[in-house]
Amino acid sequence: MINNPDDIEGINRSGPTDYYNQGYQPQQYYQKPQKQQVYDPISKKDATDRWKNRRRMAYAALLSIFVVTMLLFFVVPAERLEPLGNVSEWYFIVMGSVVASYVGSASWSDIVELKNRVGRR
């Protein structure tokens, strides 16, 4: 006869029944889990700062597009434009995508915010 079930190796202790398999299930297995309060780590101020920094990055990219265009037109000699062709093309593509991603994400954020505000009425 086994006096202490903890002495047995290999016994499955993960289930809700007791060691002697008499069908006893503690009450804790029948309780529904309590809903956890969702913690939002991003405050309203942090969200506005994040958009402010994104806006600054988009403005800097747009300004750099204009500056590089003016430099290519008026400062760089014509014979040096040929080797700079690929680099300048990729530069304009990347800077344009930075501006486009800001405009797209800002518009999408406004649409979602408007839907949430209208849907709550």
Protein backbone atom coordinates (compact mmCIF):
# COMPACT_ATOMS: atom_id res chain seq x y z
CA MET A 1 0.00 0.00 0.00
CA ILE A 2 1.24 3.47 -0.88
CA ASN A 3 1.23 5.89 2.02
CA ASN A 4 2.65 8.96 0.28
CA PRO A 5 1.90 9.40 -3.43
CA ASP A 6 4.74 11.95 -3.73
CA ASP A 7 7.21 9.05 -3.36
CA ILE A 8 6.15 7.55 -6.68
CA GLU A 9 8.14 8.70 -9.68
CA GLY A 10 6.42 9.23 -12.97
CA ILE A 11 2.95 9.93 -11.57
CA ASN A 12 1.02 12.55 -13.53
CA ARG A 13 0.30 15.42 -11.13
CA SER A 14 -0.79 17.93 -13.77
CA GLY A 15 -4.45 16.90 -13.94
CA PRO A 16 -7.28 18.21 -11.79
CA THR A 17 -7.97 14.90 -10.05
CA ASP A 18 -6.37 13.84 -6.78
CA TYR A 19 -3.63 11.26 -6.46
CA TYR A 20 -5.99 8.37 -5.80
CA ASN A 21 -8.18 9.11 -8.90
CA GLN A 22 -11.40 9.24 -6.91
CA GLY A 23 -12.81 12.00 -9.09
CA TYR A 24 -12.16 14.86 -6.69
CA GLN A 25 -11.56 18.08 -8.54
CA PRO A 26 -10.72 21.20 -6.58
CA GLN A 27 -12.97 24.21 -6.99
CA GLN A 28 -10.21 26.28 -8.58
CA TYR A 29 -10.50 24.30 -11.81
CA TYR A 30 -14.17 25.25 -12.20
CA GLN A 31 -13.72 29.00 -11.72
CA LYS A 32 -13.68 31.17 -14.80
CA PRO A 33 -10.55 33.23 -15.15
CA GLN A 34 -10.96 36.84 -14.14
CA LYS A 35 -10.60 39.39 -16.90
CA GLN A 36 -7.39 41.28 -16.64
CA GLN A 37 -7.57 45.02 -16.95
CA VAL A 38 -5.81 45.96 -20.17
CA TYR A 39 -2.88 48.26 -19.59
CA ASP A 40 -2.30 50.67 -22.42
CA PRO A 41 1.39 51.59 -22.31
CA ILE A 42 0.93 54.44 -24.78
CA SER A 43 -0.63 57.50 -23.22
CA LYS A 44 -2.30 60.26 -25.21
CA LYS A 45 0.80 62.43 -24.86
CA ASP A 46 3.06 59.64 -26.12
CA ALA A 47 0.79 59.09 -29.11
CA THR A 48 0.86 62.78 -30.07
CA ASP A 49 4.65 62.85 -29.64
CA ARG A 50 4.95 59.81 -31.87
CA TRP A 51 2.91 61.48 -34.62
CA LYS A 52 4.89 64.69 -34.16
CA ASN A 53 8.15 62.83 -34.73
CA ARG A 54 6.74 61.03 -37.76
CA ARG A 55 5.58 64.35 -39.18
CA ARG A 56 9.04 65.85 -38.67
CA MET A 57 10.63 62.91 -40.45
CA ALA A 58 8.23 63.29 -43.40
CA TYR A 59 8.88 67.05 -43.61
CA ALA A 60 12.64 66.45 -43.48
CA ALA A 61 12.37 63.87 -46.29
CA LEU A 62 10.24 66.21 -48.42
CA LEU A 63 12.63 69.10 -47.83
CA SER A 64 15.60 66.91 -48.71
CA ILE A 65 13.93 65.93 -51.99
CA PHE A 66 13.65 69.61 -52.95
CA VAL A 67 17.20 70.40 -51.83
CA VAL A 68 18.74 67.48 -53.74
CA THR A 69 16.71 68.37 -56.83
CA MET A 70 17.99 71.96 -56.72
CA LEU A 71 21.55 70.74 -56.16
CA LEU A 72 21.31 68.39 -59.13
CA PHE A 73 19.91 71.12 -61.37
CA PHE A 74 22.11 74.05 -60.41
CA VAL A 75 25.27 72.90 -58.59
CA VAL A 76 26.39 69.51 -59.93
CA PRO A 77 28.12 69.66 -63.32
CA ALA A 78 26.43 67.84 -66.22
CA GLU A 79 29.25 65.32 -66.69
CA ARG A 80 28.83 64.08 -63.09
CA LEU A 81 25.09 63.45 -63.43
CA GLU A 82 25.64 60.21 -65.34
CA PRO A 83 27.42 58.37 -62.48
CA LEU A 84 24.95 59.79 -59.93
CA GLY A 85 21.93 58.53 -61.88
CA ASN A 86 21.29 55.28 -59.98
CA VAL A 87 22.04 56.78 -56.59
CA SER A 88 19.75 59.75 -57.12
CA GLU A 89 16.94 57.54 -58.42
CA TRP A 90 17.05 55.34 -55.33
CA TYR A 91 17.32 58.40 -53.09
CA PHE A 92 14.15 59.88 -54.54
CA ILE A 93 12.32 56.54 -54.30
CA VAL A 94 13.24 56.07 -50.64
CA MET A 95 12.47 59.64 -49.59
CA GLY A 96 9.20 59.58 -51.52
CA SER A 97 8.21 56.35 -49.79
CA VAL A 98 8.92 57.93 -46.38
CA VAL A 99 6.58 60.81 -47.23
CA ALA A 100 3.95 58.50 -48.74
CA SER A 101 3.99 56.16 -45.74
CA TYR A 102 3.45 59.09 -43.37
CA VAL A 103 0.57 60.46 -45.43
CA GLY A 104 -1.02 57.01 -45.75
CA SER A 105 -0.69 56.07 -42.09
CA ALA A 106 -1.92 59.46 -40.91
CA SER A 107 -4.95 59.20 -43.19
CA TRP A 108 -5.65 55.65 -42.05
CA SER A 109 -5.37 56.68 -38.41
CA ASP A 110 -7.86 59.52 -38.98
CA ILE A 111 -10.30 57.15 -40.70
CA VAL A 112 -10.10 54.60 -37.87
CA GLU A 113 -10.52 57.33 -35.25
CA LEU A 114 -13.54 58.73 -37.09
CA LYS A 115 -15.13 55.26 -37.36
CA ASN A 116 -14.58 54.67 -33.64
CA ARG A 117 -16.08 58.03 -32.74
CA VAL A 118 -19.14 57.56 -34.97
CA GLY A 119 -19.64 53.94 -33.91
CA ARG A 120 -19.83 54.81 -30.22
CA ARG A 121 -22.83 57.11 -30.52
